[in-house]
Amino acid sequence: MNLILFGPPGAGKGTQAKKLSIKYDIPHISTGDILRENVKSETELGLEAKKYMDKGELVPDDVLINLIKNRLSEDDTSSGFLLDGYPRTVPQADALDDILDELDKPVDAVINLDVPDEELVRRLSGRRLCNDCGASYHVEFNPPEKENICDLCGGQLYQRDDDKKDVILQRLSVYKKQTYPLIEYYEDKDVLMTIDGTGNVDEVLNRINTLLSK
C-alpha cells in the first residue's frame, strides 16, 4: 500500500504514521529523516543539501525530489511506503507523480488529518519541556507531579517559543496556504481521504483503517 500522510502541526501525524507503518509493514519515510541520513552519510545529494541547510535556507525541490526518488527506489518499498512531509506544494506533487509513474508505484491513498484550529492550539500550547534533561510534558494530558518541575530530574519546565498561541496560529496559517491546493490536487485524482483527527490515538487510527479497508 502506497500512502501519503498530511496533517497540520499538532494533528498527531507522527504517532499515526508509526502505527500505520507497523500495521501495513511499510516504511515510514520522512523527508526530514531522509535529509539527516544523507547529510550524515555524506552522499553527493546530502552534501548538496547541507550547503543550503547550513545557511538556514530551504533545500531546493530538485535536490529534495532526487533524495526521495533514491529512497523510494530501495528494496524495502517494494510492498509499499508511507510518505510523510512531502509533497508540500503542487509542483512538488507533480514531480512526485512523475517519479512514482517511473517506479510504477502509484499512490493508493492520501490521508488528510483534519483537526479544528482550537484543538490544535490546545494541544500545542500545553506542551512543556525540561530545561535540563529534555523530558516532555503537557499541562493537560501529561502534567508533571509538581507544576513546572520535571519529575525525572527536578529541572525547570519551559514552553518553546513556537508553542505559544500567536506563533501556533501563524504556523497553521502557513500550513493551510501550502496544503489547501494539494487537497484539491489529490481530490481531483480521487485518492484523498479526509479523516477526523479529534479523539484519542486509537479512535483516529480506527477511522483511517476503516477507510483504507474499503
N, C-alpha and C. Protein backbone atom coordinates (compact mmCIF):
# COMPACT_ATOMS: atom_id res chain seq x y z
N MET A 1 0.85 -1.19 0.00
CA MET A 1 0.00 0.00 0.00
C MET A 1 0.88 1.24 0.00
N ASN A 2 0.64 2.14 -0.94
CA ASN A 2 1.43 3.36 -1.07
C ASN A 2 0.60 4.55 -0.56
N LEU A 3 1.08 5.17 0.52
CA LEU A 3 0.30 6.18 1.21
C LEU A 3 1.08 7.49 1.35
N ILE A 4 0.34 8.59 1.33
CA ILE A 4 0.88 9.90 1.69
C ILE A 4 0.07 10.41 2.87
N LEU A 5 0.74 11.00 3.86
CA LEU A 5 0.06 11.46 5.08
C LEU A 5 0.25 12.96 5.24
N PHE A 6 -0.88 13.69 5.33
CA PHE A 6 -0.89 15.12 5.61
C PHE A 6 -1.42 15.34 7.02
N GLY A 7 -1.00 16.44 7.62
CA GLY A 7 -1.57 16.81 8.91
C GLY A 7 -0.92 18.07 9.42
N PRO A 8 -1.70 19.00 9.94
CA PRO A 8 -1.13 20.24 10.48
C PRO A 8 -0.33 19.97 11.74
N PRO A 9 0.47 20.94 12.18
CA PRO A 9 1.19 20.78 13.46
C PRO A 9 0.20 20.48 14.57
N GLY A 10 0.49 19.43 15.35
CA GLY A 10 -0.38 19.07 16.47
C GLY A 10 -1.47 18.08 16.14
N ALA A 11 -1.54 17.63 14.87
CA ALA A 11 -2.62 16.71 14.48
C ALA A 11 -2.34 15.27 14.89
N GLY A 12 -1.13 14.98 15.35
CA GLY A 12 -0.77 13.61 15.72
C GLY A 12 -0.30 12.79 14.55
N LYS A 13 0.19 13.47 13.54
CA LYS A 13 0.61 12.81 12.31
C LYS A 13 1.74 11.80 12.55
N GLY A 14 2.74 12.21 13.35
CA GLY A 14 3.87 11.33 13.60
C GLY A 14 3.46 10.04 14.30
N THR A 15 2.56 10.16 15.28
CA THR A 15 2.07 9.00 16.01
C THR A 15 1.32 8.05 15.08
N GLN A 16 0.43 8.60 14.25
CA GLN A 16 -0.34 7.77 13.32
C GLN A 16 0.57 7.12 12.28
N ALA A 17 1.57 7.87 11.83
CA ALA A 17 2.50 7.33 10.83
C ALA A 17 3.21 6.09 11.36
N LYS A 18 3.66 6.14 12.60
CA LYS A 18 4.35 4.99 13.20
C LYS A 18 3.42 3.77 13.29
N LYS A 19 2.18 4.00 13.69
CA LYS A 19 1.24 2.89 13.85
C LYS A 19 0.84 2.30 12.49
N LEU A 20 0.65 3.15 11.49
CA LEU A 20 0.30 2.66 10.15
C LEU A 20 1.46 1.90 9.52
N SER A 21 2.66 2.37 9.78
CA SER A 21 3.85 1.71 9.26
C SER A 21 3.96 0.28 9.78
N ILE A 22 3.66 0.12 11.07
CA ILE A 22 3.72 -1.21 11.69
C ILE A 22 2.58 -2.09 11.17
N LYS A 23 1.37 -1.54 11.14
CA LYS A 23 0.20 -2.34 10.75
C LYS A 23 0.34 -2.87 9.33
N TYR A 24 0.79 -2.02 8.41
CA TYR A 24 0.85 -2.43 7.00
C TYR A 24 2.24 -2.88 6.57
N ASP A 25 3.16 -2.92 7.54
CA ASP A 25 4.53 -3.39 7.29
C ASP A 25 5.16 -2.65 6.10
N ILE A 26 5.07 -1.32 6.16
CA ILE A 26 5.67 -0.48 5.12
C ILE A 26 6.54 0.58 5.80
N PRO A 27 7.61 1.02 5.14
CA PRO A 27 8.48 2.01 5.78
C PRO A 27 7.84 3.38 5.89
N HIS A 28 8.06 4.02 7.02
CA HIS A 28 7.63 5.39 7.24
C HIS A 28 8.75 6.29 6.74
N ILE A 29 8.48 7.02 5.66
CA ILE A 29 9.52 7.82 5.01
C ILE A 29 9.25 9.29 5.28
N SER A 30 10.11 9.89 6.08
CA SER A 30 10.01 11.30 6.43
C SER A 30 11.10 12.07 5.69
N THR A 31 10.72 13.19 5.09
CA THR A 31 11.72 13.97 4.36
C THR A 31 12.83 14.46 5.29
N GLY A 32 12.46 14.81 6.52
CA GLY A 32 13.47 15.23 7.49
C GLY A 32 14.48 14.13 7.76
N ASP A 33 13.98 12.90 7.92
CA ASP A 33 14.88 11.75 8.16
C ASP A 33 15.78 11.51 6.95
N ILE A 34 15.20 11.61 5.74
CA ILE A 34 15.99 11.40 4.53
C ILE A 34 17.13 12.40 4.46
N LEU A 35 16.83 13.66 4.73
CA LEU A 35 17.85 14.70 4.70
C LEU A 35 18.95 14.42 5.72
N ARG A 36 18.55 14.11 6.95
CA ARG A 36 19.54 13.87 8.00
C ARG A 36 20.43 12.67 7.67
N GLU A 37 19.82 11.60 7.16
CA GLU A 37 20.59 10.39 6.84
C GLU A 37 21.60 10.65 5.73
N ASN A 38 21.19 11.40 4.70
CA ASN A 38 22.09 11.67 3.59
C ASN A 38 23.20 12.64 3.97
N VAL A 39 22.86 13.61 4.82
CA VAL A 39 23.90 14.53 5.30
C VAL A 39 24.91 13.77 6.16
N LYS A 40 24.39 12.91 7.05
CA LYS A 40 25.27 12.13 7.93
C LYS A 40 26.17 11.19 7.13
N SER A 41 25.61 10.56 6.09
CA SER A 41 26.37 9.62 5.27
C SER A 41 27.25 10.32 4.23
N GLU A 42 27.09 11.64 4.14
CA GLU A 42 27.87 12.45 3.20
C GLU A 42 27.72 11.97 1.76
N THR A 43 26.46 11.64 1.39
CA THR A 43 26.21 11.30 -0.01
C THR A 43 26.33 12.58 -0.85
N GLU A 44 26.41 12.39 -2.15
CA GLU A 44 26.54 13.56 -3.03
C GLU A 44 25.36 14.51 -2.85
N LEU A 45 24.14 13.95 -2.83
CA LEU A 45 22.95 14.79 -2.65
C LEU A 45 22.89 15.36 -1.23
N GLY A 46 23.35 14.57 -0.26
CA GLY A 46 23.37 15.04 1.13
C GLY A 46 24.29 16.23 1.31
N LEU A 47 25.46 16.19 0.68
CA LEU A 47 26.40 17.31 0.75
C LEU A 47 25.83 18.55 0.06
N GLU A 48 25.11 18.31 -1.05
CA GLU A 48 24.47 19.43 -1.75
C GLU A 48 23.39 20.06 -0.87
N ALA A 49 22.59 19.21 -0.23
CA ALA A 49 21.53 19.72 0.65
C ALA A 49 22.11 20.47 1.84
N LYS A 50 23.23 20.00 2.36
CA LYS A 50 23.86 20.60 3.54
C LYS A 50 24.28 22.04 3.28
N LYS A 51 24.66 22.35 2.05
CA LYS A 51 25.06 23.73 1.72
C LYS A 51 23.92 24.70 2.03
N TYR A 52 22.69 24.27 1.71
CA TYR A 52 21.53 25.13 1.95
C TYR A 52 21.12 25.10 3.42
N MET A 53 21.16 23.93 4.02
CA MET A 53 20.76 23.79 5.42
C MET A 53 21.67 24.60 6.34
N ASP A 54 22.96 24.61 6.03
CA ASP A 54 23.92 25.35 6.86
C ASP A 54 23.67 26.85 6.81
N LYS A 55 23.06 27.31 5.73
CA LYS A 55 22.75 28.75 5.58
C LYS A 55 21.33 29.07 6.05
N GLY A 56 20.63 28.04 6.56
CA GLY A 56 19.27 28.24 7.03
C GLY A 56 18.27 28.39 5.91
N GLU A 57 18.64 27.93 4.72
CA GLU A 57 17.76 28.05 3.55
C GLU A 57 17.03 26.73 3.29
N LEU A 58 15.91 26.81 2.58
CA LEU A 58 15.19 25.60 2.20
C LEU A 58 15.99 24.83 1.14
N VAL A 59 15.97 23.52 1.25
CA VAL A 59 16.63 22.68 0.25
C VAL A 59 15.81 22.76 -1.04
N PRO A 60 16.43 23.07 -2.19
CA PRO A 60 15.68 23.21 -3.44
C PRO A 60 14.93 21.94 -3.82
N ASP A 61 13.82 22.12 -4.53
CA ASP A 61 12.97 20.99 -4.91
C ASP A 61 13.73 19.92 -5.69
N ASP A 62 14.63 20.33 -6.59
CA ASP A 62 15.30 19.33 -7.42
C ASP A 62 16.21 18.43 -6.59
N VAL A 63 16.82 18.98 -5.55
CA VAL A 63 17.66 18.16 -4.66
C VAL A 63 16.78 17.24 -3.83
N LEU A 64 15.71 17.80 -3.27
CA LEU A 64 14.83 17.03 -2.40
C LEU A 64 14.15 15.89 -3.15
N ILE A 65 13.67 16.15 -4.36
CA ILE A 65 12.95 15.11 -5.10
C ILE A 65 13.89 13.98 -5.51
N ASN A 66 15.15 14.30 -5.77
CA ASN A 66 16.12 13.24 -6.08
C ASN A 66 16.43 12.39 -4.85
N LEU A 67 16.47 13.01 -3.68
CA LEU A 67 16.65 12.25 -2.44
C LEU A 67 15.48 11.30 -2.23
N ILE A 68 14.27 11.81 -2.47
CA ILE A 68 13.06 10.98 -2.30
C ILE A 68 13.03 9.87 -3.34
N LYS A 69 13.42 10.17 -4.56
CA LYS A 69 13.45 9.15 -5.61
C LYS A 69 14.38 8.01 -5.21
N ASN A 70 15.56 8.35 -4.72
CA ASN A 70 16.51 7.32 -4.28
C ASN A 70 15.91 6.47 -3.17
N ARG A 71 15.22 7.14 -2.22
CA ARG A 71 14.65 6.39 -1.08
C ARG A 71 13.53 5.47 -1.55
N LEU A 72 12.68 5.96 -2.46
CA LEU A 72 11.56 5.14 -2.93
C LEU A 72 12.01 4.01 -3.85
N SER A 73 13.27 4.06 -4.28
CA SER A 73 13.82 3.00 -5.13
C SER A 73 14.40 1.86 -4.32
N GLU A 74 14.50 2.03 -3.00
CA GLU A 74 15.11 0.99 -2.16
C GLU A 74 14.17 -0.21 -2.02
N ASP A 75 14.78 -1.37 -1.74
CA ASP A 75 14.04 -2.64 -1.73
C ASP A 75 12.89 -2.68 -0.73
N ASP A 76 13.04 -1.98 0.42
CA ASP A 76 12.01 -2.10 1.45
C ASP A 76 10.71 -1.40 1.07
N THR A 77 10.69 -0.69 -0.07
CA THR A 77 9.45 -0.04 -0.51
C THR A 77 8.69 -0.88 -1.54
N SER A 78 9.17 -2.10 -1.77
CA SER A 78 8.56 -2.94 -2.81
C SER A 78 7.11 -3.29 -2.50
N SER A 79 6.77 -3.36 -1.18
CA SER A 79 5.39 -3.68 -0.81
C SER A 79 4.60 -2.45 -0.37
N GLY A 80 5.22 -1.28 -0.50
CA GLY A 80 4.52 -0.05 -0.16
C GLY A 80 5.37 0.91 0.64
N PHE A 81 4.81 2.08 0.91
CA PHE A 81 5.51 3.10 1.69
C PHE A 81 4.49 4.07 2.27
N LEU A 82 4.93 4.79 3.29
CA LEU A 82 4.14 5.86 3.88
C LEU A 82 4.99 7.12 3.84
N LEU A 83 4.63 8.06 2.97
CA LEU A 83 5.41 9.28 2.77
C LEU A 83 4.84 10.39 3.64
N ASP A 84 5.72 10.96 4.46
CA ASP A 84 5.30 11.93 5.48
C ASP A 84 6.13 13.22 5.29
N GLY A 85 5.44 14.35 5.10
CA GLY A 85 6.14 15.63 4.98
C GLY A 85 6.45 16.03 3.55
N TYR A 86 5.96 15.29 2.60
CA TYR A 86 6.18 15.60 1.19
C TYR A 86 5.05 14.96 0.39
N PRO A 87 4.49 15.63 -0.58
CA PRO A 87 4.82 16.97 -1.07
C PRO A 87 4.18 18.06 -0.21
N ARG A 88 4.71 19.29 -0.36
CA ARG A 88 4.16 20.46 0.34
C ARG A 88 3.56 21.47 -0.64
N THR A 89 3.86 21.32 -1.91
CA THR A 89 3.34 22.24 -2.92
C THR A 89 2.89 21.43 -4.13
N VAL A 90 2.08 22.05 -5.00
CA VAL A 90 1.61 21.37 -6.20
C VAL A 90 2.77 21.00 -7.14
N PRO A 91 3.76 21.90 -7.37
CA PRO A 91 4.90 21.49 -8.21
C PRO A 91 5.63 20.26 -7.65
N GLN A 92 5.74 20.19 -6.32
CA GLN A 92 6.35 19.00 -5.72
C GLN A 92 5.50 17.77 -5.96
N ALA A 93 4.19 17.92 -5.89
CA ALA A 93 3.28 16.80 -6.14
C ALA A 93 3.40 16.32 -7.58
N ASP A 94 3.52 17.26 -8.52
CA ASP A 94 3.71 16.89 -9.93
C ASP A 94 5.01 16.10 -10.11
N ALA A 95 6.08 16.58 -9.47
CA ALA A 95 7.38 15.90 -9.57
C ALA A 95 7.31 14.51 -8.95
N LEU A 96 6.60 14.41 -7.84
CA LEU A 96 6.45 13.11 -7.18
C LEU A 96 5.66 12.15 -8.07
N ASP A 97 4.61 12.64 -8.71
CA ASP A 97 3.83 11.79 -9.62
C ASP A 97 4.71 11.22 -10.73
N ASP A 98 5.59 12.06 -11.28
CA ASP A 98 6.48 11.60 -12.34
C ASP A 98 7.38 10.46 -11.84
N ILE A 99 7.89 10.61 -10.64
CA ILE A 99 8.77 9.59 -10.06
C ILE A 99 7.99 8.30 -9.81
N LEU A 100 6.81 8.42 -9.23
CA LEU A 100 6.01 7.23 -8.92
C LEU A 100 5.57 6.51 -10.20
N ASP A 101 5.30 7.28 -11.25
CA ASP A 101 4.99 6.66 -12.55
C ASP A 101 6.19 5.88 -13.06
N GLU A 102 7.35 6.49 -12.95
CA GLU A 102 8.59 5.85 -13.41
C GLU A 102 8.87 4.57 -12.64
N LEU A 103 8.60 4.60 -11.33
CA LEU A 103 8.86 3.44 -10.47
C LEU A 103 7.69 2.46 -10.46
N ASP A 104 6.60 2.81 -11.12
CA ASP A 104 5.38 2.00 -11.13
C ASP A 104 4.87 1.75 -9.71
N LYS A 105 4.80 2.85 -8.93
CA LYS A 105 4.31 2.78 -7.56
C LYS A 105 3.25 3.87 -7.35
N PRO A 106 2.06 3.68 -7.92
CA PRO A 106 1.03 4.71 -7.80
C PRO A 106 0.54 4.87 -6.36
N VAL A 107 0.11 6.08 -6.02
CA VAL A 107 -0.42 6.36 -4.69
C VAL A 107 -1.80 5.72 -4.55
N ASP A 108 -1.99 4.95 -3.47
CA ASP A 108 -3.29 4.33 -3.21
C ASP A 108 -4.22 5.28 -2.45
N ALA A 109 -3.64 6.04 -1.52
CA ALA A 109 -4.47 6.95 -0.73
C ALA A 109 -3.62 8.07 -0.16
N VAL A 110 -4.23 9.25 -0.08
CA VAL A 110 -3.63 10.41 0.59
C VAL A 110 -4.49 10.69 1.82
N ILE A 111 -3.90 10.52 3.00
CA ILE A 111 -4.64 10.67 4.26
C ILE A 111 -4.45 12.09 4.78
N ASN A 112 -5.55 12.79 4.92
CA ASN A 112 -5.52 14.17 5.40
C ASN A 112 -6.17 14.22 6.79
N LEU A 113 -5.36 14.42 7.83
CA LEU A 113 -5.89 14.51 9.19
C LEU A 113 -6.46 15.90 9.43
N ASP A 114 -7.74 15.96 9.73
CA ASP A 114 -8.44 17.23 9.90
C ASP A 114 -8.74 17.46 11.38
N VAL A 115 -8.16 18.52 11.94
CA VAL A 115 -8.37 18.86 13.35
C VAL A 115 -8.65 20.36 13.43
N PRO A 116 -9.69 20.78 14.16
CA PRO A 116 -10.00 22.21 14.28
C PRO A 116 -8.84 22.99 14.90
N ASP A 117 -8.70 24.24 14.48
CA ASP A 117 -7.60 25.07 14.96
C ASP A 117 -7.57 25.17 16.49
N GLU A 118 -8.75 25.32 17.10
CA GLU A 118 -8.77 25.49 18.55
C GLU A 118 -8.23 24.26 19.28
N GLU A 119 -8.47 23.09 18.71
CA GLU A 119 -7.94 21.85 19.30
C GLU A 119 -6.42 21.78 19.11
N LEU A 120 -5.95 22.18 17.94
CA LEU A 120 -4.51 22.18 17.68
C LEU A 120 -3.79 23.14 18.62
N VAL A 121 -4.37 24.32 18.82
CA VAL A 121 -3.77 25.29 19.74
C VAL A 121 -3.73 24.71 21.15
N ARG A 122 -4.80 24.05 21.54
CA ARG A 122 -4.87 23.44 22.88
C ARG A 122 -3.78 22.38 23.05
N ARG A 123 -3.60 21.56 22.03
CA ARG A 123 -2.59 20.51 22.12
C ARG A 123 -1.17 21.08 22.16
N LEU A 124 -0.89 22.02 21.26
CA LEU A 124 0.47 22.53 21.12
C LEU A 124 0.86 23.50 22.23
N SER A 125 -0.06 24.38 22.63
CA SER A 125 0.29 25.40 23.62
C SER A 125 0.48 24.80 25.01
N GLY A 126 -0.03 23.59 25.22
CA GLY A 126 0.12 22.94 26.53
C GLY A 126 1.41 22.17 26.70
N ARG A 127 2.22 22.08 25.63
CA ARG A 127 3.46 21.32 25.73
C ARG A 127 4.50 22.05 26.58
N ARG A 128 5.24 21.27 27.37
CA ARG A 128 6.32 21.81 28.18
C ARG A 128 7.51 20.86 28.09
N LEU A 129 8.71 21.44 28.10
CA LEU A 129 9.94 20.65 28.04
C LEU A 129 10.81 20.98 29.24
N CYS A 130 11.59 19.98 29.66
CA CYS A 130 12.53 20.20 30.76
C CYS A 130 13.77 20.91 30.23
N ASN A 131 14.17 21.96 30.92
CA ASN A 131 15.34 22.74 30.52
C ASN A 131 16.63 21.96 30.68
N ASP A 132 16.62 20.93 31.54
CA ASP A 132 17.85 20.19 31.83
C ASP A 132 17.96 18.87 31.05
N CYS A 133 16.92 18.02 31.15
CA CYS A 133 17.03 16.68 30.54
C CYS A 133 16.22 16.54 29.25
N GLY A 134 15.38 17.54 28.93
CA GLY A 134 14.62 17.50 27.68
C GLY A 134 13.34 16.70 27.75
N ALA A 135 12.96 16.18 28.92
CA ALA A 135 11.72 15.41 29.05
C ALA A 135 10.52 16.26 28.64
N SER A 136 9.50 15.59 28.07
CA SER A 136 8.35 16.29 27.52
C SER A 136 7.11 16.07 28.38
N TYR A 137 6.33 17.13 28.57
CA TYR A 137 5.10 17.06 29.35
C TYR A 137 4.00 17.83 28.62
N HIS A 138 2.78 17.70 29.14
CA HIS A 138 1.67 18.52 28.66
C HIS A 138 0.84 18.92 29.87
N VAL A 139 0.49 20.19 29.97
CA VAL A 139 -0.18 20.68 31.17
C VAL A 139 -1.52 20.00 31.40
N GLU A 140 -2.14 19.50 30.33
CA GLU A 140 -3.45 18.86 30.45
C GLU A 140 -3.38 17.34 30.34
N PHE A 141 -2.66 16.84 29.32
CA PHE A 141 -2.67 15.41 29.03
C PHE A 141 -1.58 14.61 29.75
N ASN A 142 -0.49 15.27 30.11
CA ASN A 142 0.61 14.57 30.78
C ASN A 142 1.34 15.55 31.72
N PRO A 143 0.64 16.03 32.75
CA PRO A 143 1.25 17.05 33.62
C PRO A 143 2.31 16.47 34.56
N PRO A 144 3.28 17.27 34.95
CA PRO A 144 4.25 16.81 35.96
C PRO A 144 3.59 16.76 37.33
N GLU A 145 4.21 16.02 38.26
CA GLU A 145 3.64 15.94 39.61
C GLU A 145 3.63 17.31 40.29
N LYS A 146 4.71 18.08 40.09
CA LYS A 146 4.79 19.43 40.62
C LYS A 146 4.78 20.41 39.45
N GLU A 147 3.97 21.44 39.54
CA GLU A 147 3.83 22.39 38.44
C GLU A 147 5.17 22.97 38.02
N ASN A 148 5.45 22.83 36.70
CA ASN A 148 6.65 23.39 36.08
C ASN A 148 7.96 22.78 36.56
N ILE A 149 7.88 21.60 37.21
CA ILE A 149 9.09 20.91 37.67
C ILE A 149 9.14 19.52 37.07
N CYS A 150 10.27 19.15 36.49
CA CYS A 150 10.42 17.84 35.85
C CYS A 150 10.40 16.72 36.87
N ASP A 151 9.59 15.69 36.61
CA ASP A 151 9.52 14.52 37.50
C ASP A 151 10.84 13.76 37.53
N LEU A 152 11.57 13.78 36.43
CA LEU A 152 12.76 12.93 36.28
C LEU A 152 13.99 13.53 36.94
N CYS A 153 14.20 14.84 36.73
CA CYS A 153 15.46 15.42 37.22
C CYS A 153 15.28 16.66 38.08
N GLY A 154 14.04 17.12 38.24
CA GLY A 154 13.80 18.31 39.05
C GLY A 154 14.10 19.61 38.34
N GLY A 155 14.36 19.52 37.03
CA GLY A 155 14.65 20.73 36.27
C GLY A 155 13.41 21.58 36.02
N GLN A 156 13.64 22.80 35.60
CA GLN A 156 12.54 23.73 35.33
C GLN A 156 11.95 23.44 33.95
N LEU A 157 10.62 23.44 33.87
CA LEU A 157 9.96 23.23 32.59
C LEU A 157 9.75 24.59 31.90
N TYR A 158 9.77 24.55 30.57
CA TYR A 158 9.56 25.78 29.81
C TYR A 158 8.71 25.50 28.58
N GLN A 159 8.16 26.56 28.01
CA GLN A 159 7.36 26.48 26.79
C GLN A 159 8.20 27.01 25.62
N ARG A 160 8.31 26.20 24.55
CA ARG A 160 9.04 26.64 23.38
C ARG A 160 8.34 27.85 22.75
N ASP A 161 9.13 28.72 22.14
CA ASP A 161 8.55 29.90 21.51
C ASP A 161 7.52 29.53 20.44
N ASP A 162 7.80 28.44 19.68
CA ASP A 162 6.86 28.07 18.61
C ASP A 162 5.65 27.31 19.13
N ASP A 163 5.54 27.14 20.45
CA ASP A 163 4.34 26.56 21.05
C ASP A 163 3.46 27.63 21.71
N LYS A 164 3.80 28.90 21.49
CA LYS A 164 2.97 29.97 22.01
C LYS A 164 1.85 30.27 21.02
N LYS A 165 0.70 30.70 21.55
CA LYS A 165 -0.53 30.76 20.74
C LYS A 165 -0.37 31.55 19.46
N ASP A 166 0.23 32.74 19.53
CA ASP A 166 0.31 33.57 18.32
C ASP A 166 1.19 32.92 17.26
N VAL A 167 2.25 32.25 17.71
CA VAL A 167 3.14 31.57 16.76
C VAL A 167 2.44 30.34 16.17
N ILE A 168 1.71 29.62 17.01
CA ILE A 168 0.96 28.44 16.53
C ILE A 168 -0.02 28.86 15.43
N LEU A 169 -0.76 29.94 15.66
CA LEU A 169 -1.74 30.40 14.67
C LEU A 169 -1.06 30.78 13.36
N GLN A 170 0.14 31.37 13.46
CA GLN A 170 0.88 31.71 12.24
C GLN A 170 1.33 30.44 11.52
N ARG A 171 1.81 29.44 12.28
CA ARG A 171 2.23 28.16 11.68
C ARG A 171 1.05 27.49 10.96
N LEU A 172 -0.12 27.54 11.59
CA LEU A 172 -1.30 26.93 10.99
C LEU A 172 -1.72 27.67 9.72
N SER A 173 -1.59 28.99 9.73
CA SER A 173 -1.93 29.78 8.55
C SER A 173 -1.03 29.42 7.37
N VAL A 174 0.27 29.29 7.65
CA VAL A 174 1.23 28.90 6.59
C VAL A 174 0.91 27.51 6.08
N TYR A 175 0.60 26.60 7.01
CA TYR A 175 0.29 25.22 6.61
C TYR A 175 -0.92 25.18 5.68
N LYS A 176 -1.96 25.93 6.03
CA LYS A 176 -3.18 25.92 5.21
C LYS A 176 -2.91 26.45 3.80
N LYS A 177 -2.14 27.53 3.73
CA LYS A 177 -1.83 28.10 2.42
C LYS A 177 -1.09 27.09 1.55
N GLN A 178 -0.19 26.32 2.16
CA GLN A 178 0.57 25.31 1.42
C GLN A 178 -0.31 24.13 1.04
N THR A 179 -1.16 23.70 1.97
CA THR A 179 -1.82 22.41 1.85
C THR A 179 -3.13 22.45 1.08
N TYR A 180 -3.91 23.51 1.18
CA TYR A 180 -5.21 23.53 0.51
C TYR A 180 -5.13 23.24 -0.99
N PRO A 181 -4.16 23.81 -1.72
CA PRO A 181 -4.06 23.46 -3.14
C PRO A 181 -3.77 21.97 -3.35
N LEU A 182 -3.04 21.36 -2.41
CA LEU A 182 -2.74 19.92 -2.52
C LEU A 182 -3.99 19.08 -2.27
N ILE A 183 -4.85 19.55 -1.36
CA ILE A 183 -6.09 18.82 -1.09
C ILE A 183 -6.93 18.76 -2.37
N GLU A 184 -7.04 19.89 -3.05
CA GLU A 184 -7.76 19.91 -4.33
C GLU A 184 -7.09 19.00 -5.35
N TYR A 185 -5.77 19.06 -5.38
CA TYR A 185 -4.97 18.27 -6.33
C TYR A 185 -5.28 16.78 -6.19
N TYR A 186 -5.27 16.29 -4.95
CA TYR A 186 -5.49 14.86 -4.73
C TYR A 186 -6.98 14.49 -4.74
N GLU A 187 -7.84 15.46 -4.46
CA GLU A 187 -9.28 15.21 -4.65
C GLU A 187 -9.56 14.94 -6.11
N ASP A 188 -8.95 15.72 -6.99
CA ASP A 188 -9.15 15.54 -8.43
C ASP A 188 -8.68 14.17 -8.90
N LYS A 189 -7.70 13.62 -8.19
CA LYS A 189 -7.18 12.29 -8.55
C LYS A 189 -7.96 11.16 -7.86
N ASP A 190 -8.93 11.55 -7.03
CA ASP A 190 -9.81 10.61 -6.33
C ASP A 190 -9.04 9.68 -5.40
N VAL A 191 -8.01 10.20 -4.72
CA VAL A 191 -7.26 9.39 -3.76
C VAL A 191 -7.26 10.02 -2.36
N LEU A 192 -7.91 11.18 -2.20
CA LEU A 192 -7.86 11.87 -0.91
C LEU A 192 -8.84 11.26 0.07
N MET A 193 -8.37 11.01 1.31
CA MET A 193 -9.21 10.57 2.42
C MET A 193 -9.06 11.59 3.55
N THR A 194 -10.09 12.37 3.83
CA THR A 194 -10.02 13.31 4.95
C THR A 194 -10.58 12.63 6.18
N ILE A 195 -9.75 12.59 7.22
CA ILE A 195 -10.07 11.86 8.45
C ILE A 195 -10.26 12.84 9.60
N ASP A 196 -11.30 12.63 10.40
CA ASP A 196 -11.49 13.40 11.62
C ASP A 196 -10.36 13.05 12.58
N GLY A 197 -9.49 14.01 12.86
CA GLY A 197 -8.32 13.74 13.70
C GLY A 197 -8.52 14.03 15.16
N THR A 198 -9.77 14.28 15.59
CA THR A 198 -10.04 14.52 17.02
C THR A 198 -10.27 13.19 17.73
N GLY A 199 -10.12 13.21 19.05
CA GLY A 199 -10.27 11.97 19.82
C GLY A 199 -8.91 11.39 20.15
N ASN A 200 -8.93 10.19 20.76
CA ASN A 200 -7.64 9.60 21.14
C ASN A 200 -6.98 8.91 19.95
N VAL A 201 -5.75 8.48 20.16
CA VAL A 201 -4.94 7.92 19.08
C VAL A 201 -5.62 6.73 18.41
N ASP A 202 -6.16 5.82 19.23
CA ASP A 202 -6.77 4.60 18.67
C ASP A 202 -8.05 4.91 17.89
N GLU A 203 -8.82 5.89 18.36
CA GLU A 203 -10.04 6.27 17.63
C GLU A 203 -9.70 6.79 16.24
N VAL A 204 -8.68 7.64 16.15
CA VAL A 204 -8.27 8.18 14.85
C VAL A 204 -7.72 7.07 13.97
N LEU A 205 -6.92 6.19 14.55
CA LEU A 205 -6.35 5.07 13.79
C LEU A 205 -7.45 4.18 13.23
N ASN A 206 -8.48 3.91 14.02
CA ASN A 206 -9.59 3.07 13.56
C ASN A 206 -10.32 3.72 12.38
N ARG A 207 -10.47 5.05 12.43
CA ARG A 207 -11.12 5.73 11.30
C ARG A 207 -10.29 5.58 10.02
N ILE A 208 -8.98 5.72 10.16
CA ILE A 208 -8.10 5.56 9.00
C ILE A 208 -8.20 4.15 8.44
N ASN A 209 -8.08 3.16 9.32
CA ASN A 209 -8.09 1.77 8.88
C ASN A 209 -9.42 1.38 8.23
N THR A 210 -10.52 1.92 8.77
CA THR A 210 -11.84 1.63 8.20
C THR A 210 -11.92 2.10 6.75
N LEU A 211 -11.43 3.31 6.49
CA LEU A 211 -11.47 3.81 5.12
C LEU A 211 -10.47 3.09 4.21
N LEU A 212 -9.30 2.79 4.74
CA LEU A 212 -8.29 2.08 3.93
C LEU A 212 -8.79 0.68 3.56
N SER A 213 -9.55 0.06 4.44
CA SER A 213 -10.05 -1.30 4.16
C SER A 213 -11.03 -1.32 2.98
N LYS A 214 -11.59 -0.15 2.67
CA LYS A 214 -12.56 -0.08 1.57
C LYS A 214 -11.87 0.12 0.24
